[in-house]
Structure formats: C-alpha cells, structure tokens
Amino acid sequence: MAYDLHLADRIRKILADQSVRFKEKEMFGGIAFMVNNKMCTGIIKNDLMARIDPEIFDSALKKKGARPMDFAHRPMKGYVYVSPEGIDSSKDLKYWIDLCLDFNPKAKSSKKK
C-alpha cells in the first residue's frame, strides 16, 4: 500500500456527500483527487495533501499536524501536508477538504503537455 486507503475512502465520502464531481489520479506515489481537472487534495503515504489558498497558508500551518508540503525538498506555498493526528476526526478532515474546495475555483490548472 503506497497510501492510506482508509483515508482515501474518508475523502471520497466527504466529496460525495457534498455532491462534488471528482476524478482520482495516482501520482507522486500516492493519489490525487481532481476537481474541475485541477488537483484539489490527495494522499502521500499517510498524510493528507491539501491545496489551499496561499493567502491563508501561514494561518493554516498553525493547525495540528500541518506543515508545508516539501515535495522534492522544496516548500510549496499553498500546499500543506497534514499528518494523521491532524485529521483523526471527521470534523478535522472535513475542515481541510473544505479549504481545498474553497480554493479550487481560483486554482490554476496544470499546463497540458
């Protein structure tokens, strides 16, 4: 198992409960949940990857379990890893997913190759 399958199920349920249309794409050795053809959230090993508004990045890092996403050892503003203790409760996980969904309409799409 390259990523937390139970966490993936929890994310699917939150998205489905909110009638969010999404696609799943395996990437980075984990899974990404694409909304409007843009990476919205995902899982790397046991961590949630949250794509949030860069304007709230610094305040979001104060939440339990949050740290800058440093994929390839470069911090990425607007991307946060949240460790399992920060998303144990359904309420906490929904908080992060909602931040991702709030930012998604403003997020830029990846360039097509």
N, C-alpha and C. Protein backbone atom coordinates (compact mmCIF):
# COMPACT_ATOMS: atom_id res chain seq x y z
N MET A 1 0.84 -1.18 0.00
CA MET A 1 0.00 0.00 0.00
C MET A 1 0.88 1.25 0.00
N ALA A 2 0.78 2.05 -1.04
CA ALA A 2 1.59 3.25 -1.15
C ALA A 2 0.97 4.44 -0.42
N TYR A 3 -0.33 4.37 -0.16
CA TYR A 3 -1.00 5.46 0.54
C TYR A 3 -2.12 4.88 1.40
N ASP A 4 -2.62 5.68 2.31
CA ASP A 4 -3.63 5.26 3.28
C ASP A 4 -4.99 5.07 2.59
N LEU A 5 -5.37 3.82 2.39
CA LEU A 5 -6.62 3.50 1.69
C LEU A 5 -7.85 3.94 2.49
N HIS A 6 -7.78 3.83 3.81
CA HIS A 6 -8.90 4.26 4.65
C HIS A 6 -9.11 5.78 4.53
N LEU A 7 -8.03 6.54 4.51
CA LEU A 7 -8.13 7.98 4.33
C LEU A 7 -8.74 8.30 2.97
N ALA A 8 -8.36 7.56 1.95
CA ALA A 8 -8.94 7.77 0.62
C ALA A 8 -10.46 7.57 0.65
N ASP A 9 -10.91 6.54 1.35
CA ASP A 9 -12.35 6.30 1.48
C ASP A 9 -13.04 7.45 2.22
N ARG A 10 -12.39 7.96 3.25
CA ARG A 10 -12.97 9.08 4.01
C ARG A 10 -13.09 10.32 3.13
N ILE A 11 -12.09 10.57 2.31
CA ILE A 11 -12.14 11.73 1.40
C ILE A 11 -13.24 11.54 0.36
N ARG A 12 -13.31 10.35 -0.23
CA ARG A 12 -14.38 10.07 -1.21
C ARG A 12 -15.76 10.34 -0.62
N LYS A 13 -15.96 9.93 0.63
CA LYS A 13 -17.26 10.12 1.27
C LYS A 13 -17.57 11.60 1.46
N ILE A 14 -16.60 12.38 1.91
CA ILE A 14 -16.83 13.82 2.10
C ILE A 14 -17.18 14.47 0.76
N LEU A 15 -16.42 14.14 -0.27
CA LEU A 15 -16.69 14.72 -1.59
C LEU A 15 -18.06 14.30 -2.11
N ALA A 16 -18.38 13.03 -1.97
CA ALA A 16 -19.68 12.53 -2.44
C ALA A 16 -20.83 13.15 -1.65
N ASP A 17 -20.67 13.28 -0.34
CA ASP A 17 -21.71 13.89 0.49
C ASP A 17 -21.99 15.33 0.09
N GLN A 18 -20.99 16.00 -0.48
CA GLN A 18 -21.16 17.39 -0.92
C GLN A 18 -21.47 17.47 -2.42
N SER A 19 -21.74 16.31 -3.03
CA SER A 19 -22.05 16.22 -4.46
C SER A 19 -20.97 16.83 -5.34
N VAL A 20 -19.72 16.65 -4.93
CA VAL A 20 -18.59 17.15 -5.71
C VAL A 20 -18.21 16.10 -6.74
N ARG A 21 -18.12 16.52 -7.99
CA ARG A 21 -17.66 15.61 -9.04
C ARG A 21 -16.14 15.64 -9.02
N PHE A 22 -15.53 14.47 -8.96
CA PHE A 22 -14.08 14.37 -8.87
C PHE A 22 -13.58 13.15 -9.61
N LYS A 23 -12.31 13.20 -9.92
CA LYS A 23 -11.62 12.06 -10.52
C LYS A 23 -10.42 11.76 -9.64
N GLU A 24 -10.01 10.54 -9.68
CA GLU A 24 -8.82 10.13 -8.92
C GLU A 24 -7.69 9.86 -9.90
N LYS A 25 -6.50 10.28 -9.50
CA LYS A 25 -5.34 10.09 -10.35
C LYS A 25 -4.16 9.71 -9.46
N GLU A 26 -3.55 8.57 -9.75
CA GLU A 26 -2.38 8.18 -8.98
C GLU A 26 -1.20 9.00 -9.44
N MET A 27 -0.55 9.63 -8.46
CA MET A 27 0.63 10.45 -8.76
C MET A 27 1.45 10.62 -7.49
N PHE A 28 2.71 10.95 -7.66
CA PHE A 28 3.63 11.17 -6.53
C PHE A 28 3.73 9.95 -5.63
N GLY A 29 3.42 8.77 -6.12
CA GLY A 29 3.43 7.58 -5.29
C GLY A 29 2.22 7.53 -4.37
N GLY A 30 1.26 8.39 -4.60
CA GLY A 30 0.03 8.45 -3.81
C GLY A 30 -1.16 8.60 -4.73
N ILE A 31 -2.15 9.33 -4.26
CA ILE A 31 -3.35 9.55 -5.05
C ILE A 31 -3.76 11.01 -4.93
N ALA A 32 -4.23 11.56 -6.05
CA ALA A 32 -4.74 12.92 -6.07
C ALA A 32 -6.22 12.88 -6.42
N PHE A 33 -6.97 13.76 -5.79
CA PHE A 33 -8.38 13.92 -6.11
C PHE A 33 -8.51 15.20 -6.91
N MET A 34 -8.93 15.03 -8.17
CA MET A 34 -9.02 16.14 -9.11
C MET A 34 -10.46 16.66 -9.13
N VAL A 35 -10.59 17.97 -8.99
CA VAL A 35 -11.90 18.63 -9.08
C VAL A 35 -11.75 19.70 -10.15
N ASN A 36 -12.65 19.69 -11.12
CA ASN A 36 -12.56 20.63 -12.25
C ASN A 36 -11.21 20.50 -12.97
N ASN A 37 -10.75 19.27 -13.09
CA ASN A 37 -9.48 18.96 -13.76
C ASN A 37 -8.27 19.62 -13.11
N LYS A 38 -8.38 19.94 -11.81
CA LYS A 38 -7.27 20.52 -11.06
C LYS A 38 -7.06 19.70 -9.80
N MET A 39 -5.80 19.56 -9.42
CA MET A 39 -5.51 18.83 -8.19
C MET A 39 -6.11 19.62 -7.03
N CYS A 40 -6.97 18.95 -6.26
CA CYS A 40 -7.66 19.59 -5.14
C CYS A 40 -7.06 19.14 -3.81
N THR A 41 -6.94 17.83 -3.66
CA THR A 41 -6.38 17.25 -2.44
C THR A 41 -5.79 15.89 -2.81
N GLY A 42 -5.14 15.27 -1.87
CA GLY A 42 -4.56 13.97 -2.16
C GLY A 42 -3.96 13.35 -0.93
N ILE A 43 -3.31 12.23 -1.15
CA ILE A 43 -2.68 11.49 -0.06
C ILE A 43 -1.30 11.06 -0.51
N ILE A 44 -0.33 11.33 0.33
CA ILE A 44 1.04 10.84 0.15
C ILE A 44 1.34 10.02 1.40
N LYS A 45 1.53 8.72 1.24
CA LYS A 45 1.70 7.79 2.36
C LYS A 45 0.51 7.91 3.30
N ASN A 46 0.72 8.43 4.52
CA ASN A 46 -0.38 8.58 5.48
C ASN A 46 -0.81 10.02 5.67
N ASP A 47 -0.22 10.93 4.89
CA ASP A 47 -0.51 12.35 5.04
C ASP A 47 -1.52 12.84 4.01
N LEU A 48 -2.38 13.72 4.46
CA LEU A 48 -3.27 14.44 3.55
C LEU A 48 -2.44 15.52 2.87
N MET A 49 -2.62 15.70 1.58
CA MET A 49 -2.02 16.81 0.86
C MET A 49 -3.19 17.76 0.56
N ALA A 50 -3.09 18.97 1.05
CA ALA A 50 -4.16 19.95 0.87
C ALA A 50 -3.66 21.11 0.03
N ARG A 51 -4.38 21.39 -1.07
CA ARG A 51 -4.07 22.55 -1.90
C ARG A 51 -5.01 23.67 -1.47
N ILE A 52 -4.46 24.65 -0.78
CA ILE A 52 -5.28 25.70 -0.18
C ILE A 52 -4.87 27.07 -0.72
N ASP A 53 -5.68 28.06 -0.41
CA ASP A 53 -5.39 29.42 -0.83
C ASP A 53 -4.08 29.90 -0.21
N PRO A 54 -3.12 30.33 -1.02
CA PRO A 54 -1.86 30.82 -0.45
C PRO A 54 -2.05 31.96 0.55
N GLU A 55 -3.16 32.69 0.44
CA GLU A 55 -3.44 33.79 1.37
C GLU A 55 -3.62 33.31 2.81
N ILE A 56 -4.07 32.06 2.99
CA ILE A 56 -4.30 31.52 4.34
C ILE A 56 -3.25 30.49 4.74
N PHE A 57 -2.23 30.35 3.92
CA PHE A 57 -1.20 29.34 4.12
C PHE A 57 -0.58 29.42 5.52
N ASP A 58 -0.13 30.61 5.91
CA ASP A 58 0.56 30.76 7.20
C ASP A 58 -0.35 30.44 8.38
N SER A 59 -1.60 30.87 8.32
CA SER A 59 -2.51 30.58 9.43
C SER A 59 -2.88 29.09 9.45
N ALA A 60 -2.98 28.47 8.29
CA ALA A 60 -3.30 27.04 8.23
C ALA A 60 -2.20 26.19 8.86
N LEU A 61 -0.96 26.66 8.75
CA LEU A 61 0.16 25.90 9.32
C LEU A 61 0.12 25.84 10.84
N LYS A 62 -0.71 26.66 11.47
CA LYS A 62 -0.84 26.65 12.93
C LYS A 62 -1.76 25.54 13.42
N LYS A 63 -2.49 24.89 12.49
CA LYS A 63 -3.39 23.80 12.86
C LYS A 63 -2.58 22.54 13.19
N LYS A 64 -3.15 21.73 14.07
CA LYS A 64 -2.50 20.49 14.49
C LYS A 64 -2.17 19.60 13.28
N GLY A 65 -0.92 19.15 13.23
CA GLY A 65 -0.49 18.21 12.20
C GLY A 65 -0.09 18.83 10.88
N ALA A 66 -0.27 20.15 10.72
CA ALA A 66 0.01 20.79 9.43
C ALA A 66 1.47 21.20 9.32
N ARG A 67 1.99 21.05 8.10
CA ARG A 67 3.35 21.51 7.81
C ARG A 67 3.41 21.81 6.30
N PRO A 68 4.37 22.64 5.89
CA PRO A 68 4.47 22.94 4.45
C PRO A 68 4.75 21.67 3.65
N MET A 69 4.14 21.58 2.50
CA MET A 69 4.43 20.46 1.60
C MET A 69 5.80 20.73 1.01
N ASP A 70 6.70 19.80 1.20
CA ASP A 70 8.07 19.98 0.72
C ASP A 70 8.44 18.86 -0.24
N PHE A 71 7.56 18.60 -1.16
CA PHE A 71 7.82 17.56 -2.15
C PHE A 71 9.10 17.94 -2.89
N ALA A 72 9.98 17.01 -3.05
CA ALA A 72 11.29 17.22 -3.69
C ALA A 72 12.12 18.24 -2.91
N HIS A 73 11.87 18.33 -1.59
CA HIS A 73 12.63 19.17 -0.67
C HIS A 73 12.55 20.67 -0.99
N ARG A 74 11.43 21.08 -1.63
CA ARG A 74 11.17 22.50 -1.87
C ARG A 74 9.79 22.81 -1.32
N PRO A 75 9.70 23.69 -0.32
CA PRO A 75 8.37 24.06 0.18
C PRO A 75 7.54 24.70 -0.93
N MET A 76 6.27 24.35 -0.97
CA MET A 76 5.38 24.88 -1.99
C MET A 76 4.27 25.69 -1.31
N LYS A 77 4.27 27.00 -1.51
CA LYS A 77 3.27 27.87 -0.89
C LYS A 77 1.88 27.48 -1.41
N GLY A 78 0.96 27.30 -0.48
CA GLY A 78 -0.40 26.91 -0.86
C GLY A 78 -0.64 25.41 -0.81
N TYR A 79 0.41 24.65 -0.55
CA TYR A 79 0.28 23.20 -0.42
C TYR A 79 0.72 22.81 0.98
N VAL A 80 -0.12 22.04 1.65
CA VAL A 80 0.12 21.66 3.04
C VAL A 80 0.01 20.15 3.18
N TYR A 81 0.91 19.57 3.94
CA TYR A 81 0.75 18.19 4.39
C TYR A 81 0.09 18.25 5.76
N VAL A 82 -0.84 17.34 6.00
CA VAL A 82 -1.45 17.22 7.32
C VAL A 82 -1.26 15.78 7.77
N SER A 83 -0.58 15.60 8.89
CA SER A 83 -0.30 14.26 9.40
C SER A 83 -1.58 13.65 9.99
N PRO A 84 -1.59 12.34 10.21
CA PRO A 84 -2.79 11.66 10.69
C PRO A 84 -3.42 12.28 11.94
N GLU A 85 -2.61 12.76 12.90
CA GLU A 85 -3.22 13.31 14.12
C GLU A 85 -4.00 14.60 13.84
N GLY A 86 -3.73 15.26 12.71
CA GLY A 86 -4.46 16.47 12.36
C GLY A 86 -5.76 16.22 11.63
N ILE A 87 -6.00 14.96 11.26
CA ILE A 87 -7.22 14.62 10.51
C ILE A 87 -7.92 13.40 11.09
N ASP A 88 -7.63 13.09 12.35
CA ASP A 88 -8.25 11.93 13.01
C ASP A 88 -9.77 12.02 13.01
N SER A 89 -10.30 13.17 13.35
CA SER A 89 -11.75 13.30 13.42
C SER A 89 -12.32 13.64 12.05
N SER A 90 -13.55 13.27 11.83
CA SER A 90 -14.23 13.61 10.58
C SER A 90 -14.33 15.13 10.43
N LYS A 91 -14.55 15.81 11.54
CA LYS A 91 -14.65 17.27 11.52
C LYS A 91 -13.35 17.90 11.03
N ASP A 92 -12.22 17.41 11.55
CA ASP A 92 -10.92 17.95 11.13
C ASP A 92 -10.64 17.67 9.66
N LEU A 93 -10.92 16.47 9.21
CA LEU A 93 -10.70 16.14 7.80
C LEU A 93 -11.59 17.00 6.92
N LYS A 94 -12.84 17.16 7.29
CA LYS A 94 -13.76 17.98 6.51
C LYS A 94 -13.29 19.43 6.45
N TYR A 95 -12.73 19.93 7.53
CA TYR A 95 -12.18 21.29 7.55
C TYR A 95 -11.16 21.46 6.42
N TRP A 96 -10.22 20.52 6.31
CA TRP A 96 -9.18 20.62 5.30
C TRP A 96 -9.75 20.45 3.90
N ILE A 97 -10.65 19.50 3.72
CA ILE A 97 -11.25 19.28 2.40
C ILE A 97 -12.03 20.53 1.98
N ASP A 98 -12.74 21.14 2.91
CA ASP A 98 -13.47 22.37 2.60
C ASP A 98 -12.52 23.50 2.18
N LEU A 99 -11.37 23.62 2.84
CA LEU A 99 -10.39 24.62 2.42
C LEU A 99 -9.94 24.36 0.98
N CYS A 100 -9.71 23.10 0.67
CA CYS A 100 -9.30 22.74 -0.70
C CYS A 100 -10.39 23.08 -1.71
N LEU A 101 -11.61 22.74 -1.38
CA LEU A 101 -12.73 23.01 -2.29
C LEU A 101 -12.97 24.51 -2.44
N ASP A 102 -12.78 25.27 -1.37
CA ASP A 102 -12.95 26.72 -1.45
C ASP A 102 -11.93 27.35 -2.41
N PHE A 103 -10.71 26.82 -2.40
CA PHE A 103 -9.66 27.37 -3.25
C PHE A 103 -9.75 26.86 -4.68
N ASN A 104 -10.32 25.72 -4.90
CA ASN A 104 -10.30 25.08 -6.22
C ASN A 104 -10.75 25.99 -7.37
N PRO A 105 -11.82 26.76 -7.24
CA PRO A 105 -12.21 27.62 -8.37
C PRO A 105 -11.15 28.66 -8.73
N LYS A 106 -10.32 29.05 -7.78
CA LYS A 106 -9.28 30.06 -8.02
C LYS A 106 -7.96 29.42 -8.45
N ALA A 107 -7.81 28.14 -8.24
CA ALA A 107 -6.54 27.45 -8.55
C ALA A 107 -6.30 27.39 -10.05
N LYS A 108 -5.04 27.46 -10.42
CA LYS A 108 -4.69 27.35 -11.82
C LYS A 108 -4.57 25.89 -12.19
N SER A 109 -4.97 25.58 -13.41
CA SER A 109 -4.82 24.22 -13.92
C SER A 109 -3.36 23.98 -14.29
N SER A 110 -2.96 22.72 -14.24
CA SER A 110 -1.63 22.36 -14.71
C SER A 110 -1.59 22.57 -16.22
N LYS A 111 -0.42 22.92 -16.69
CA LYS A 111 -0.27 23.09 -18.13
C LYS A 111 -0.34 21.74 -18.80
N LYS A 112 -1.08 21.66 -19.88
CA LYS A 112 -1.16 20.43 -20.67
C LYS A 112 0.08 20.28 -21.51
N LYS A 113 0.59 19.05 -21.59
CA LYS A 113 1.80 18.81 -22.39
C LYS A 113 1.40 18.43 -23.79
